[in-house]
Amino acid sequence: MQHFSLLDLSPIPEGGTASDALSNTVDLARAAEVAGYHRYWLAEHHNMPGIASAATSVVIGHVAGATRTMRVGAGGIMLPNHAPLMIAEQFGTLATLYPGRIDLGLGRAPGTDMPTARALRRNLSQEDTFPQDVQELMEYFGDDPGPVRAVPGTGTHVPVWILGSSLYGAQLAAYLGLPYAFASHFAPAMLEQAITMYRTTFRPSKTLSRPYLMVAAGVCAAETDAEANRLRSSQILAFSRLRTGNPGPLPKPVDDVTEEVPPMVLEQVNHALSCSATGSKATVRDQLRRIVERYQPDELMVTGMVHDHEARVRSFDMAAEVLSDLKELAPAV
């Protein structure tokens, strides 16, 4: 494992506002830079009452301006929602303002429900143009894009990642010779298959000579296992409500989630969030070590939704201490 990084969904806490969430994001980003996180990614979601990072490139610029050295980027931009040229201009501008610090992770899903997807795109084509759109976007970042230029953008060579939670993204990343990030923090089912496919079929490219794999994991660390489990209940409740069609702000923690979530839903949520580490520093160390040893990622990205901002910052601080120790534990193959 060469690096460890952080994914922030900029959660809007129950009883708080989007302004609170964005302020907390900047504060967390500054703390993450001090703690040694390599990169700080934000994700595109729409029509989500509990997530404030819908205008992802705007928030990325805000975070990059509030930090000094840490890489900042998208994990990711849902490319079907946008014209490639528009994203090239946005991220070309970011790379011009913050040279050498901007990443662009690309996803194929809409990042929302279908009515909102229609509102974003106006019409939904049945044709899957994601591979072509990725290549078009990368050309805009090159030195000779052709008759249509992204200004700023041309010549910035913004690093492009493929994101995914299935074999599709693994195949595409391998074919294009791009780094690959798997969304195992909420969809771990096909993680091992995707890793094998990506690493065995990878084709070297101008930008990457060998596979580079990022694995995502949830984390919630506190002084005791009991306190960490209580803090994590907010994320379990939020995910459960999303699964049952009732999304909202990030709930306050509860002592017993079984009183709030039906057993079948809770089972599904626990499976979806199973690639994670929750507990005291010692417990989190053991659980993250097992993830690193099992999957041997080049980079581990952690994420976590904690209602109390100070507790959230402390959780990521504790995780960084653990990950610093594990950093060289299992070199990727």
Protein backbone atom coordinates (compact mmCIF):
# COMPACT_ATOMS: atom_id res chain seq x y z
CA MET A 1 0.00 0.00 0.00
CA GLN A 2 1.64 3.17 -1.22
CA HIS A 3 -0.91 5.73 -0.02
CA PHE A 4 -4.05 6.18 2.05
CA SER A 5 -6.73 8.72 1.22
CA LEU A 6 -10.14 10.03 2.27
CA LEU A 7 -13.55 10.19 0.57
CA ASP A 8 -15.92 12.85 1.90
CA LEU A 9 -19.60 12.98 0.92
CA SER A 10 -20.00 16.29 2.74
CA PRO A 11 -22.87 14.97 4.90
CA ILE A 12 -25.61 17.33 6.03
CA PRO A 13 -26.26 16.43 9.68
CA GLU A 14 -29.76 16.16 11.08
CA GLY A 15 -30.43 19.54 12.70
CA GLY A 16 -27.80 21.21 10.51
CA THR A 17 -27.64 22.83 7.08
CA ALA A 18 -25.76 22.51 3.80
CA SER A 19 -23.67 25.46 4.95
CA ASP A 20 -22.68 23.47 8.04
CA ALA A 21 -21.77 20.49 5.87
CA LEU A 22 -19.53 22.49 3.54
CA SER A 23 -17.85 24.24 6.46
CA ASN A 24 -17.23 20.85 8.06
CA THR A 25 -15.77 19.56 4.80
CA VAL A 26 -13.17 22.32 4.71
CA ASP A 27 -12.30 21.74 8.36
CA LEU A 28 -11.98 18.00 7.80
CA ALA A 29 -9.84 18.51 4.70
CA ARG A 30 -7.39 20.67 6.63
CA ALA A 31 -7.22 18.05 9.38
CA ALA A 32 -6.75 15.29 6.79
CA GLU A 33 -3.82 17.12 5.23
CA VAL A 34 -2.12 17.41 8.62
CA ALA A 35 -2.86 13.74 9.37
CA GLY A 36 -1.09 12.59 6.21
CA TYR A 37 -3.89 11.65 3.82
CA HIS A 38 -2.60 11.60 0.26
CA ARG A 39 -5.77 12.73 -1.49
CA TYR A 40 -9.20 14.03 -0.58
CA TRP A 41 -12.06 13.14 -2.90
CA LEU A 42 -15.64 14.38 -3.11
CA ALA A 43 -18.51 12.66 -4.91
CA GLU A 44 -21.34 13.76 -7.19
CA HIS A 45 -24.82 12.98 -5.83
CA HIS A 46 -28.06 14.73 -6.71
CA ASN A 47 -31.42 15.13 -5.00
CA MET A 48 -29.92 13.82 -1.76
CA PRO A 49 -31.07 15.79 1.31
CA GLY A 50 -28.11 14.50 3.29
CA ILE A 51 -25.25 15.23 0.86
CA ALA A 52 -23.93 18.71 0.01
CA SER A 53 -21.40 17.89 -2.75
CA ALA A 54 -23.74 17.96 -5.77
CA ALA A 55 -21.73 20.75 -7.47
CA THR A 56 -18.63 18.62 -7.06
CA SER A 57 -16.11 20.68 -9.03
CA VAL A 58 -17.10 23.80 -7.07
CA VAL A 59 -16.55 22.05 -3.74
CA ILE A 60 -13.24 20.61 -4.97
CA GLY A 61 -12.04 24.13 -5.75
CA HIS A 62 -13.13 25.31 -2.32
CA VAL A 63 -11.24 22.46 -0.61
CA ALA A 64 -8.14 22.87 -2.78
CA GLY A 65 -8.07 26.56 -1.91
CA ALA A 66 -8.24 25.77 1.80
CA THR A 67 -5.37 23.23 1.70
CA ARG A 68 -1.81 23.41 0.44
CA THR A 69 -0.29 20.10 -0.64
CA MET A 70 -2.87 17.31 -0.52
CA ARG A 71 -4.34 16.10 -3.81
CA VAL A 72 -8.04 16.95 -4.19
CA GLY A 73 -10.45 15.44 -6.67
CA ALA A 74 -13.65 13.73 -7.68
CA GLY A 75 -14.59 10.28 -6.56
CA GLY A 76 -16.35 10.78 -8.75
CA ILE A 77 -17.96 12.79 -11.49
CA MET A 78 -20.86 10.86 -13.04
CA LEU A 79 -19.91 11.43 -16.66
CA PRO A 80 -23.27 10.44 -18.25
CA ASN A 81 -24.72 13.56 -16.60
CA HIS A 82 -22.35 15.90 -18.44
CA ALA A 83 -20.82 16.78 -21.77
CA PRO A 84 -17.14 15.74 -21.68
CA LEU A 85 -16.07 19.21 -22.82
CA MET A 86 -17.76 20.85 -19.82
CA ILE A 87 -15.96 18.53 -17.39
CA ALA A 88 -12.68 19.11 -19.23
CA GLU A 89 -13.11 22.86 -18.83
CA GLN A 90 -14.04 22.58 -15.14
CA PHE A 91 -11.17 20.29 -14.21
CA GLY A 92 -8.78 22.03 -16.57
CA THR A 93 -9.56 25.21 -14.67
CA LEU A 94 -9.02 23.47 -11.34
CA ALA A 95 -5.71 22.02 -12.54
CA THR A 96 -4.63 25.48 -13.74
CA LEU A 97 -5.47 27.03 -10.38
CA TYR A 98 -3.97 24.15 -8.35
CA PRO A 99 -1.33 22.52 -10.58
CA GLY A 100 -0.29 18.98 -9.73
CA ARG A 101 -3.07 18.53 -7.15
CA ILE A 102 -6.28 17.68 -9.03
CA ASP A 103 -7.69 14.19 -9.75
CA LEU A 104 -10.70 13.24 -11.86
CA GLY A 105 -12.45 9.99 -11.06
CA LEU A 106 -15.22 9.06 -13.49
CA GLY A 107 -18.31 6.99 -12.83
CA ARG A 108 -20.89 5.53 -15.18
CA ALA A 109 -23.94 5.66 -12.88
CA PRO A 110 -26.20 8.74 -12.66
CA GLY A 111 -25.59 9.20 -8.93
CA THR A 112 -29.28 9.77 -8.31
CA ASP A 113 -32.81 8.53 -9.02
CA MET A 114 -34.26 8.36 -12.52
CA PRO A 115 -36.49 11.48 -12.32
CA THR A 116 -33.45 13.50 -11.26
CA ALA A 117 -31.35 11.89 -13.99
CA ARG A 118 -33.93 13.09 -16.49
CA ALA A 119 -33.77 16.59 -15.00
CA LEU A 120 -29.99 16.56 -15.35
CA ARG A 121 -29.81 15.19 -18.87
CA ARG A 122 -33.24 16.17 -20.17
CA ASN A 123 -33.41 12.95 -22.17
CA LEU A 124 -32.06 9.50 -21.37
CA SER A 125 -30.35 7.70 -24.23
CA GLN A 126 -30.34 3.92 -24.19
CA GLU A 127 -26.92 3.95 -25.82
CA ASP A 128 -23.95 3.50 -23.51
CA THR A 129 -21.32 6.00 -24.65
CA PHE A 130 -19.27 6.00 -21.44
CA PRO A 131 -16.06 4.51 -22.94
CA GLN A 132 -16.12 6.98 -25.83
CA ASP A 133 -16.91 9.88 -23.48
CA VAL A 134 -13.95 8.97 -21.27
CA GLN A 135 -11.61 8.93 -24.24
CA GLU A 136 -13.01 12.21 -25.58
CA LEU A 137 -12.50 13.82 -22.19
CA MET A 138 -8.92 12.60 -21.95
CA GLU A 139 -8.19 14.03 -25.39
CA TYR A 140 -9.23 17.48 -24.20
CA PHE A 141 -6.55 17.26 -21.50
CA GLY A 142 -3.87 16.35 -24.06
CA ASP A 143 -1.49 18.60 -25.96
CA ASP A 144 -3.25 18.32 -29.31
CA PRO A 145 -7.02 17.89 -28.76
CA GLY A 146 -8.14 18.78 -32.29
CA PRO A 147 -10.54 21.47 -33.50
CA VAL A 148 -12.43 21.73 -30.19
CA ARG A 149 -10.30 22.79 -27.24
CA ALA A 150 -10.94 22.97 -23.51
CA VAL A 151 -9.66 26.34 -22.32
CA PRO A 152 -8.36 25.95 -19.66
CA GLY A 153 -7.77 22.23 -20.02
CA THR A 154 -5.57 21.60 -23.03
CA GLY A 155 -2.16 20.38 -21.91
CA THR A 156 -3.11 19.99 -18.25
CA HIS A 157 -3.04 16.17 -18.39
CA VAL A 158 -5.40 15.85 -15.43
CA PRO A 159 -5.09 12.29 -14.06
CA VAL A 160 -8.22 10.31 -14.94
CA TRP A 161 -9.45 7.34 -12.88
CA ILE A 162 -12.18 4.84 -13.63
CA LEU A 163 -14.53 4.17 -10.71
CA GLY A 164 -16.79 1.16 -10.41
CA SER A 165 -18.55 -1.47 -8.35
CA SER A 166 -18.75 -4.19 -11.00
CA LEU A 167 -16.59 -5.87 -13.63
CA TYR A 168 -17.46 -3.24 -16.24
CA GLY A 169 -15.25 -0.55 -14.74
CA ALA A 170 -12.43 -3.02 -14.14
CA GLN A 171 -12.48 -4.06 -17.80
CA LEU A 172 -12.54 -0.49 -19.05
CA ALA A 173 -9.77 0.71 -16.73
CA ALA A 174 -7.59 -2.22 -17.76
CA TYR A 175 -8.29 -1.67 -21.46
CA LEU A 176 -7.48 2.04 -21.30
CA GLY A 177 -4.51 1.59 -18.96
CA LEU A 178 -5.97 3.82 -16.25
CA PRO A 179 -5.96 3.64 -12.44
CA TYR A 180 -9.04 1.94 -11.00
CA ALA A 181 -10.97 2.63 -7.79
CA PHE A 182 -13.53 0.11 -6.55
CA ALA A 183 -16.52 1.31 -4.51
CA SER A 184 -16.23 -1.45 -1.93
CA HIS A 185 -17.28 0.91 0.86
CA PHE A 186 -20.91 0.39 -0.19
CA ALA A 187 -20.87 -2.40 -2.83
CA PRO A 188 -18.23 -5.02 -2.02
CA ALA A 189 -19.83 -8.05 -3.67
CA MET A 190 -17.64 -8.17 -6.81
CA LEU A 191 -14.46 -6.70 -5.34
CA GLU A 192 -12.22 -9.77 -5.65
CA GLN A 193 -13.38 -10.58 -9.18
CA ALA A 194 -12.86 -6.99 -10.27
CA ILE A 195 -9.35 -6.88 -8.80
CA THR A 196 -8.37 -10.07 -10.61
CA MET A 197 -9.82 -8.90 -13.91
CA TYR A 198 -8.19 -5.47 -13.67
CA ARG A 199 -4.75 -6.76 -12.77
CA THR A 200 -4.65 -9.67 -15.22
CA THR A 201 -5.99 -7.80 -18.27
CA PHE A 202 -4.30 -4.42 -17.71
CA ARG A 203 -2.69 -2.89 -20.80
CA PRO A 204 0.11 -0.36 -20.18
CA SER A 205 -0.63 3.13 -21.47
CA LYS A 206 1.16 6.44 -21.89
CA THR A 207 0.08 7.47 -18.41
CA LEU A 208 0.39 4.19 -16.47
CA SER A 209 2.86 1.34 -16.95
CA ARG A 210 1.31 -1.09 -14.45
CA PRO A 211 -2.05 -1.50 -12.69
CA TYR A 212 -2.86 0.91 -9.87
CA LEU A 213 -5.73 -0.19 -7.67
CA MET A 214 -7.59 1.78 -5.04
CA VAL A 215 -9.91 -0.04 -2.63
CA ALA A 216 -12.45 1.92 -0.56
CA ALA A 217 -13.46 1.02 2.98
CA GLY A 218 -15.66 2.51 5.64
CA VAL A 219 -14.12 3.53 8.93
CA CYS A 220 -15.44 4.68 12.29
CA ALA A 221 -12.92 4.92 15.11
CA ALA A 222 -13.43 6.07 18.69
CA GLU A 223 -11.97 5.53 22.12
CA THR A 224 -13.96 2.32 22.65
CA ASP A 225 -15.67 -0.26 20.47
CA ALA A 226 -19.02 0.63 22.02
CA GLU A 227 -18.67 4.33 21.26
CA ALA A 228 -17.54 3.64 17.68
CA ASN A 229 -20.51 1.36 17.05
CA ARG A 230 -22.84 4.02 18.41
CA LEU A 231 -21.32 6.70 16.16
CA ARG A 232 -21.58 4.39 13.14
CA SER A 233 -25.31 3.93 13.73
CA SER A 234 -25.85 7.26 11.94
CA GLN A 235 -24.48 5.85 8.70
CA ILE A 236 -26.44 2.62 9.06
CA LEU A 237 -29.64 4.57 9.60
CA ALA A 238 -28.93 6.88 6.65
CA PHE A 239 -28.18 3.96 4.33
CA SER A 240 -31.25 2.08 5.51
CA ARG A 241 -33.49 5.07 4.84
CA LEU A 242 -31.96 5.51 1.40
CA ARG A 243 -32.57 1.83 0.62
CA THR A 244 -36.22 2.14 1.64
CA GLY A 245 -36.83 5.28 -0.41
CA ASN A 246 -36.72 7.76 2.45
CA PRO A 247 -33.39 9.63 2.21
CA GLY A 248 -32.74 12.53 4.53
CA PRO A 249 -30.07 14.34 6.54
CA LEU A 250 -27.51 12.24 8.40
CA PRO A 251 -29.38 10.97 11.50
CA LYS A 252 -28.20 11.39 15.04
CA PRO A 253 -26.71 8.20 16.50
CA VAL A 254 -28.84 5.72 18.43
CA ASP A 255 -27.99 3.06 20.98
CA ASP A 256 -29.73 0.21 19.14
CA VAL A 257 -30.29 0.31 15.36
CA THR A 258 -32.37 -2.87 15.52
CA GLU A 259 -35.14 -0.80 17.05
CA GLU A 260 -35.09 1.53 14.03
CA VAL A 261 -34.39 -0.75 11.04
CA PRO A 262 -36.33 -3.88 9.95
CA PRO A 263 -34.19 -7.06 10.16
CA MET A 264 -34.18 -7.77 6.41
CA VAL A 265 -33.14 -4.21 5.58
CA LEU A 266 -30.48 -4.23 8.28
CA GLU A 267 -29.03 -7.45 6.89
CA GLN A 268 -28.78 -5.90 3.43
CA VAL A 269 -27.21 -2.73 4.78
CA ASN A 270 -24.67 -4.60 6.90
CA HIS A 271 -23.63 -6.59 3.83
CA ALA A 272 -23.33 -3.44 1.70
CA LEU A 273 -21.18 -1.75 4.37
CA SER A 274 -19.18 -4.87 5.30
CA CYS A 275 -15.87 -3.66 3.87
CA SER A 276 -15.21 -1.48 6.87
CA ALA A 277 -13.47 -1.06 10.19
CA THR A 278 -15.34 0.04 13.31
CA GLY A 279 -14.13 0.24 16.88
CA SER A 280 -11.30 1.39 19.08
CA LYS A 281 -7.91 2.13 17.58
CA ALA A 282 -6.77 -1.43 18.24
CA THR A 283 -9.90 -2.91 16.70
CA VAL A 284 -9.71 -0.65 13.65
CA ARG A 285 -6.05 -1.53 13.21
CA ASP A 286 -6.87 -5.24 13.12
CA GLN A 287 -9.77 -4.82 10.70
CA LEU A 288 -7.93 -2.48 8.32
CA ARG A 289 -4.88 -4.74 8.39
CA ARG A 290 -7.04 -7.65 7.25
CA ILE A 291 -8.46 -5.57 4.39
CA VAL A 292 -4.97 -4.53 3.27
CA GLU A 293 -3.59 -8.06 3.52
CA ARG A 294 -6.53 -9.60 1.69
CA TYR A 295 -6.79 -7.20 -1.25
CA GLN A 296 -3.27 -5.74 -1.39
CA PRO A 297 -4.37 -2.36 -2.77
CA ASP A 298 -1.93 0.21 -4.05
CA GLU A 299 -4.03 2.71 -2.15
CA LEU A 300 -6.76 2.48 0.48
CA MET A 301 -9.41 5.19 0.59
CA VAL A 302 -11.48 5.44 3.76
CA THR A 303 -14.82 7.12 4.30
CA GLY A 304 -17.31 7.46 7.12
CA MET A 305 -20.48 9.34 8.03
CA VAL A 306 -20.46 10.52 11.66
CA HIS A 307 -23.08 12.99 12.87
CA ASP A 308 -20.86 14.88 15.32
CA HIS A 309 -18.20 16.75 13.39
CA GLU A 310 -15.54 16.65 16.09
CA ALA A 311 -16.03 12.91 16.49
CA ARG A 312 -15.74 12.51 12.72
CA VAL A 313 -12.45 14.41 12.58
CA ARG A 314 -11.13 12.34 15.49
CA SER A 315 -12.20 9.13 13.75
CA PHE A 316 -10.21 10.00 10.62
CA ASP A 317 -7.24 11.13 12.73
CA MET A 318 -7.18 7.74 14.47
CA ALA A 319 -7.55 5.96 11.13
CA ALA A 320 -4.60 7.92 9.73
CA GLU A 321 -2.43 6.86 12.66
CA VAL A 322 -3.29 3.24 11.96
CA LEU A 323 -2.86 3.53 8.20
CA SER A 324 0.52 5.20 8.58
CA ASP A 325 1.68 2.09 10.40
CA LEU A 326 0.11 -0.25 7.83
CA LYS A 327 1.33 1.69 4.82
CA GLU A 328 4.15 -0.67 3.91
CA LEU A 329 2.55 -3.80 5.31
CA ALA A 330 1.41 -5.49 2.10
CA PRO A 331 3.04 -4.21 -1.11
CA ALA A 332 0.67 -4.57 -4.05
CA VAL A 333 1.31 -7.34 -6.55
